């Protein structure tokens, strides 16, 4: 891969709307999660050297008090501001989802589906939407995510990437921005 390649697949807006409509129609649980310090979770594939931050020095020889500033340091993890960080993060989360037996959708790389358990995940850089028929299935993947990453549970979805989500499960209604996308089981046109 070209070191200049940057990649941060995010769920498509239409996929988000479809997931909201499916969750509404089937009365699925819909929860949000956030990955803390997302880009620090990625492993670099390339050797990358950076200028050493001011104030860092190393001993000239063993057992000496004479120090010199190092010329450069090699990064062993992705950091914020590095062009490769989004790609490194996506590679890590994609591998995690594969281990958990999720399948990445061919047309939306931010959509992952566990067909056997009926769990759907949407990834938008560091934000996740988890949809499943039961609370137990949400708890299953939430626990797995917490074992691997430092996460914040956001609870039932109230907003996602700027969408304010209002749900009325008894009426099978779900509305982003107050615009109904699913009312009484029928997607709006």
C-alpha atoms as a PDB file:
ATOM      1  CA  UNK A   1       0.000   0.000   0.000  1.00  0.00           C
ATOM      2  CA  UNK A   2       1.116   3.530  -0.710  1.00  0.00           C
ATOM      3  CA  UNK A   3       2.138   5.327   2.466  1.00  0.00           C
ATOM      4  CA  UNK A   4       0.241   8.395   1.253  1.00  0.00           C
ATOM      5  CA  UNK A   5      -3.009   6.439   1.089  1.00  0.00           C
ATOM      6  CA  UNK A   6      -5.474   7.606   3.667  1.00  0.00           C
ATOM      7  CA  UNK A   7      -8.534   5.567   4.367  1.00  0.00           C
ATOM      8  CA  UNK A   8     -11.269   6.092   6.894  1.00  0.00           C
ATOM      9  CA  UNK A   9     -14.355   4.252   5.648  1.00  0.00           C
ATOM     10  CA  UNK A  10     -17.498   5.549   7.241  1.00  0.00           C
ATOM     11  CA  UNK A  11     -21.051   4.301   6.997  1.00  0.00           C
ATOM     12  CA  UNK A  12     -22.957   5.843   4.123  1.00  0.00           C
ATOM     13  CA  UNK A  13     -25.819   8.151   5.018  1.00  0.00           C
ATOM     14  CA  UNK A  14     -28.312   5.943   3.173  1.00  0.00           C
ATOM     15  CA  UNK A  15     -27.108   2.899   5.151  1.00  0.00           C
ATOM     16  CA  UNK A  16     -27.711   4.799   8.390  1.00  0.00           C
ATOM     17  CA  UNK A  17     -31.257   5.661   7.300  1.00  0.00           C
ATOM     18  CA  UNK A  18     -31.965   2.050   6.255  1.00  0.00           C
ATOM     19  CA  UNK A  19     -30.699   0.709   9.584  1.00  0.00           C
ATOM     20  CA  UNK A  20     -32.915   3.169  11.445  1.00  0.00           C
ATOM     21  CA  UNK A  21     -35.926   2.051   9.381  1.00  0.00           C
ATOM     22  CA  UNK A  22     -35.146  -1.674   9.920  1.00  0.00           C
ATOM     23  CA  UNK A  23     -34.674  -1.159  13.648  1.00  0.00           C
ATOM     24  CA  UNK A  24     -37.937   0.726  13.831  1.00  0.00           C
ATOM     25  CA  UNK A  25     -39.888  -1.823  11.789  1.00  0.00           C
ATOM     26  CA  UNK A  26     -38.542  -4.814  13.755  1.00  0.00           C
ATOM     27  CA  UNK A  27     -38.425  -3.046  17.133  1.00  0.00           C
ATOM     28  CA  UNK A  28     -34.699  -3.811  17.475  1.00  0.00           C
ATOM     29  CA  UNK A  29     -32.453  -2.398  20.148  1.00  0.00           C
ATOM     30  CA  UNK A  30     -30.305   0.461  18.851  1.00  0.00           C
ATOM     31  CA  UNK A  31     -27.325   1.549  20.958  1.00  0.00           C
ATOM     32  CA  UNK A  32     -24.346   3.822  20.467  1.00  0.00           C
ATOM     33  CA  UNK A  33     -20.693   3.448  21.443  1.00  0.00           C
ATOM     34  CA  UNK A  34     -17.614   5.613  21.084  1.00  0.00           C
ATOM     35  CA  UNK A  35     -13.999   4.436  20.857  1.00  0.00           C
ATOM     36  CA  UNK A  36     -11.706   6.576  23.018  1.00  0.00           C
ATOM     37  CA  UNK A  37      -8.480   7.878  21.414  1.00  0.00           C
ATOM     38  CA  UNK A  38      -9.349   5.935  18.282  1.00  0.00           C
ATOM     39  CA  UNK A  39      -6.209   6.593  16.224  1.00  0.00           C
ATOM     40  CA  UNK A  40      -3.911   5.422  19.009  1.00  0.00           C
ATOM     41  CA  UNK A  41      -5.359   1.920  18.528  1.00  0.00           C
ATOM     42  CA  UNK A  42      -3.875   1.388  15.079  1.00  0.00           C
ATOM     43  CA  UNK A  43      -0.652  -0.499  14.307  1.00  0.00           C
ATOM     44  CA  UNK A  44       1.601   0.915  11.606  1.00  0.00           C
ATOM     45  CA  UNK A  45       2.664  -1.234   8.657  1.00  0.00           C
ATOM     46  CA  UNK A  46       5.456   1.120   7.578  1.00  0.00           C
ATOM     47  CA  UNK A  47       8.593   2.317   9.334  1.00  0.00           C
ATOM     48  CA  UNK A  48       7.925   5.935  10.183  1.00  0.00           C
ATOM     49  CA  UNK A  49      10.402   8.280  11.829  1.00  0.00           C
ATOM     50  CA  UNK A  50       9.545  11.617  13.404  1.00  0.00           C
ATOM     51  CA  UNK A  51      11.523  14.501  14.756  1.00  0.00           C
ATOM     52  CA  UNK A  52      12.041  13.991  18.478  1.00  0.00           C
ATOM     53  CA  UNK A  53       9.981  16.279  20.716  1.00  0.00           C
ATOM     54  CA  UNK A  54      11.893  19.067  22.414  1.00  0.00           C
ATOM     55  CA  UNK A  55      13.337  18.164  25.809  1.00  0.00           C
ATOM     56  CA  UNK A  56      14.101  14.500  25.043  1.00  0.00           C
ATOM     57  CA  UNK A  57      17.763  13.454  25.350  1.00  0.00           C
ATOM     58  CA  UNK A  58      19.676  10.150  25.526  1.00  0.00           C
ATOM     59  CA  UNK A  59      23.011   9.319  27.225  1.00  0.00           C
ATOM     60  CA  UNK A  60      26.018   9.516  24.920  1.00  0.00           C
ATOM     61  CA  UNK A  61      27.433   6.314  26.441  1.00  0.00           C
ATOM     62  CA  UNK A  62      26.410   3.956  29.242  1.00  0.00           C
ATOM     63  CA  UNK A  63      26.998   5.223  32.788  1.00  0.00           C
ATOM     64  CA  UNK A  64      27.520   8.824  31.744  1.00  0.00           C
ATOM     65  CA  UNK A  65      25.765  12.041  32.598  1.00  0.00           C
ATOM     66  CA  UNK A  66      26.409  13.545  29.188  1.00  0.00           C
ATOM     67  CA  UNK A  67      23.315  13.648  27.002  1.00  0.00           C
ATOM     68  CA  UNK A  68      22.637  14.442  23.373  1.00  0.00           C
ATOM     69  CA  UNK A  69      19.342  14.991  21.622  1.00  0.00           C
ATOM     70  CA  UNK A  70      18.380  12.046  19.393  1.00  0.00           C
ATOM     71  CA  UNK A  71      18.072  12.779  15.686  1.00  0.00           C
ATOM     72  CA  UNK A  72      14.757  10.972  15.175  1.00  0.00           C
ATOM     73  CA  UNK A  73      12.515   8.378  16.759  1.00  0.00           C
ATOM     74  CA  UNK A  74      10.645   5.518  15.156  1.00  0.00           C
ATOM     75  CA  UNK A  75       6.901   5.390  15.757  1.00  0.00           C
ATOM     76  CA  UNK A  76       5.612   1.997  16.837  1.00  0.00           C
ATOM     77  CA  UNK A  77       1.934   3.027  16.935  1.00  0.00           C
ATOM     78  CA  UNK A  78      -0.268   5.345  14.945  1.00  0.00           C
ATOM     79  CA  UNK A  79      -0.709   8.828  16.373  1.00  0.00           C
ATOM     80  CA  UNK A  80      -3.073  11.712  15.699  1.00  0.00           C
ATOM     81  CA  UNK A  81      -2.011  13.857  12.772  1.00  0.00           C
ATOM     82  CA  UNK A  82      -0.347  10.996  10.913  1.00  0.00           C
ATOM     83  CA  UNK A  83      -1.777  10.347   7.428  1.00  0.00           C
ATOM     84  CA  UNK A  84      -1.709   6.581   7.994  1.00  0.00           C
ATOM     85  CA  UNK A  85      -3.634   6.698  11.297  1.00  0.00           C
ATOM     86  CA  UNK A  86      -7.174   6.348   9.875  1.00  0.00           C
ATOM     87  CA  UNK A  87      -6.102   3.383   7.721  1.00  0.00           C
ATOM     88  CA  UNK A  88      -4.274   1.760  10.649  1.00  0.00           C
ATOM     89  CA  UNK A  89      -7.347   2.156  12.879  1.00  0.00           C
ATOM     90  CA  UNK A  90      -9.700   0.754  10.243  1.00  0.00           C
ATOM     91  CA  UNK A  91      -7.394  -2.233   9.714  1.00  0.00           C
ATOM     92  CA  UNK A  92      -7.463  -2.973  13.433  1.00  0.00           C
ATOM     93  CA  UNK A  93     -11.238  -2.696  13.885  1.00  0.00           C
ATOM     94  CA  UNK A  94     -11.881  -4.658  10.667  1.00  0.00           C
ATOM     95  CA  UNK A  95      -9.652  -7.500  11.921  1.00  0.00           C
ATOM     96  CA  UNK A  96     -11.472  -7.424  15.273  1.00  0.00           C
ATOM     97  CA  UNK A  97     -14.858  -7.731  13.546  1.00  0.00           C
ATOM     98  CA  UNK A  98     -13.588 -10.624  11.395  1.00  0.00           C
ATOM     99  CA  UNK A  99     -12.442 -12.493  14.519  1.00  0.00           C
ATOM    100  CA  UNK A 100     -15.947 -11.985  15.958  1.00  0.00           C
ATOM    101  CA  UNK A 101     -17.364 -13.454  12.704  1.00  0.00           C
ATOM    102  CA  UNK A 102     -18.839 -10.243  11.322  1.00  0.00           C
ATOM    103  CA  UNK A 103     -18.956  -9.783   7.570  1.00  0.00           C
ATOM    104  CA  UNK A 104     -18.102  -6.429   6.034  1.00  0.00           C
ATOM    105  CA  UNK A 105     -20.623  -5.333   3.440  1.00  0.00           C
ATOM    106  CA  UNK A 106     -19.192  -5.114  -0.082  1.00  0.00           C
ATOM    107  CA  UNK A 107     -20.870  -1.782  -0.887  1.00  0.00           C
ATOM    108  CA  UNK A 108     -20.475  -0.020   2.443  1.00  0.00           C
ATOM    109  CA  UNK A 109     -17.219  -0.642   4.303  1.00  0.00           C
ATOM    110  CA  UNK A 110     -18.678   0.952   7.438  1.00  0.00           C
ATOM    111  CA  UNK A 111     -21.347  -1.776   7.719  1.00  0.00           C
ATOM    112  CA  UNK A 112     -20.608  -5.082   9.480  1.00  0.00           C
ATOM    113  CA  UNK A 113     -23.161  -7.884   9.932  1.00  0.00           C
ATOM    114  CA  UNK A 114     -23.094 -10.984  12.102  1.00  0.00           C
ATOM    115  CA  UNK A 115     -25.644 -13.058  10.224  1.00  0.00           C
ATOM    116  CA  UNK A 116     -25.948 -15.891  12.738  1.00  0.00           C
ATOM    117  CA  UNK A 117     -26.553 -13.618  15.741  1.00  0.00           C
ATOM    118  CA  UNK A 118     -28.412 -10.944  13.740  1.00  0.00           C
ATOM    119  CA  UNK A 119     -26.210  -8.103  14.986  1.00  0.00           C
ATOM    120  CA  UNK A 120     -25.520  -5.104  12.766  1.00  0.00           C
ATOM    121  CA  UNK A 121     -22.734  -2.589  13.388  1.00  0.00           C
ATOM    122  CA  UNK A 122     -22.228   0.744  11.685  1.00  0.00           C
ATOM    123  CA  UNK A 123     -18.789   2.340  11.955  1.00  0.00           C
ATOM    124  CA  UNK A 124     -18.240   6.056  11.509  1.00  0.00           C
ATOM    125  CA  UNK A 125     -14.539   6.568  12.386  1.00  0.00           C
ATOM    126  CA  UNK A 126     -14.770   6.324  16.203  1.00  0.00           C
ATOM    127  CA  UNK A 127     -18.554   6.087  16.564  1.00  0.00           C
ATOM    128  CA  UNK A 128     -20.452   2.800  16.459  1.00  0.00           C
ATOM    129  CA  UNK A 129     -24.133   2.025  16.162  1.00  0.00           C
ATOM    130  CA  UNK A 130     -25.101  -1.453  17.324  1.00  0.00           C
ATOM    131  CA  UNK A 131     -28.470  -2.877  16.278  1.00  0.00           C
ATOM    132  CA  UNK A 132     -29.826  -6.252  17.395  1.00  0.00           C
ATOM    133  CA  UNK A 133     -33.154  -7.928  18.183  1.00  0.00           C
ATOM    134  CA  UNK A 134     -32.344  -8.309  21.888  1.00  0.00           C
ATOM    135  CA  UNK A 135     -30.482  -6.546  24.671  1.00  0.00           C
ATOM    136  CA  UNK A 136     -28.452  -9.753  25.266  1.00  0.00           C
ATOM    137  CA  UNK A 137     -26.971  -9.585  21.755  1.00  0.00           C
ATOM    138  CA  UNK A 138     -26.057  -5.933  22.218  1.00  0.00           C
ATOM    139  CA  UNK A 139     -24.422  -6.828  25.542  1.00  0.00           C
ATOM    140  CA  UNK A 140     -22.492  -9.668  23.845  1.00  0.00           C
ATOM    141  CA  UNK A 141     -20.761  -7.406  21.315  1.00  0.00           C
ATOM    142  CA  UNK A 142     -20.450  -4.536  23.796  1.00  0.00           C
ATOM    143  CA  UNK A 143     -18.503  -6.829  26.140  1.00  0.00           C
ATOM    144  CA  UNK A 144     -16.225  -7.989  23.296  1.00  0.00           C
ATOM    145  CA  UNK A 145     -15.555  -4.390  22.250  1.00  0.00           C
ATOM    146  CA  UNK A 146     -14.728  -3.382  25.835  1.00  0.00           C
ATOM    147  CA  UNK A 147     -12.251  -6.269  26.096  1.00  0.00           C
ATOM    148  CA  UNK A 148     -10.382  -5.010  23.028  1.00  0.00           C
ATOM    149  CA  UNK A 149     -10.762  -1.209  23.122  1.00  0.00           C
ATOM    150  CA  UNK A 150     -11.382   1.556  25.602  1.00  0.00           C
ATOM    151  CA  UNK A 151     -15.000   2.446  24.878  1.00  0.00           C
ATOM    152  CA  UNK A 152     -17.742   4.760  26.065  1.00  0.00           C
ATOM    153  CA  UNK A 153     -21.292   3.394  26.098  1.00  0.00           C
ATOM    154  CA  UNK A 154     -23.689   6.028  24.789  1.00  0.00           C
ATOM    155  CA  UNK A 155     -26.856   4.060  25.552  1.00  0.00           C
ATOM    156  CA  UNK A 156     -29.954   4.102  23.336  1.00  0.00           C
ATOM    157  CA  UNK A 157     -29.295   6.082  20.160  1.00  0.00           C
ATOM    158  CA  UNK A 158     -30.404   9.665  20.498  1.00  0.00           C
ATOM    159  CA  UNK A 159     -28.026  11.089  17.898  1.00  0.00           C
ATOM    160  CA  UNK A 160     -25.477   9.873  15.406  1.00  0.00           C
ATOM    161  CA  UNK A 161     -23.270  11.920  13.068  1.00  0.00           C
ATOM    162  CA  UNK A 162     -25.493  14.955  13.435  1.00  0.00           C
ATOM    163  CA  UNK A 163     -28.815  13.091  13.226  1.00  0.00           C
ATOM    164  CA  UNK A 164     -31.106  13.568  16.179  1.00  0.00           C
ATOM    165  CA  UNK A 165     -33.005  10.301  16.485  1.00  0.00           C
ATOM    166  CA  UNK A 166     -36.441  10.053  18.053  1.00  0.00           C
ATOM    167  CA  UNK A 167     -37.993   6.610  18.499  1.00  0.00           C
ATOM    168  CA  UNK A 168     -41.532   5.668  19.423  1.00  0.00           C
ATOM    169  CA  UNK A 169     -41.380   1.839  19.553  1.00  0.00           C
ATOM    170  CA  UNK A 170     -45.089   1.260  20.217  1.00  0.00           C
ATOM    171  CA  UNK A 171     -46.019   3.163  17.070  1.00  0.00           C
ATOM    172  CA  UNK A 172     -43.017   1.765  15.130  1.00  0.00           C
ATOM    173  CA  UNK A 173     -41.830   5.296  14.468  1.00  0.00           C
ATOM    174  CA  UNK A 174     -38.278   6.515  14.048  1.00  0.00           C
ATOM    175  CA  UNK A 175     -37.431  10.052  13.026  1.00  0.00           C
ATOM    176  CA  UNK A 176     -34.056  11.629  12.283  1.00  0.00           C
ATOM    177  CA  UNK A 177     -34.253  15.467  12.336  1.00  0.00           C
ATOM    178  CA  UNK A 178     -37.979  15.185  13.023  1.00  0.00           C
ATOM    179  CA  UNK A 179     -38.469  13.738   9.510  1.00  0.00           C
ATOM    180  CA  UNK A 180     -40.205  10.362   9.721  1.00  0.00           C
ATOM    181  CA  UNK A 181     -38.408   7.583   7.842  1.00  0.00           C
ATOM    182  CA  UNK A 182     -40.563   4.802   9.171  1.00  0.00           C
ATOM    183  CA  UNK A 183     -44.111   5.129  10.450  1.00  0.00           C
ATOM    184  CA  UNK A 184     -46.347   2.164  11.252  1.00  0.00           C
ATOM    185  CA  UNK A 185     -43.954  -0.180   9.453  1.00  0.00           C
ATOM    186  CA  UNK A 186     -43.921   1.669   6.122  1.00  0.00           C
ATOM    187  CA  UNK A 187     -40.797   3.513   5.006  1.00  0.00           C
ATOM    188  CA  UNK A 188     -41.648   7.011   3.838  1.00  0.00           C
ATOM    189  CA  UNK A 189     -40.956   7.943   0.260  1.00  0.00           C
END
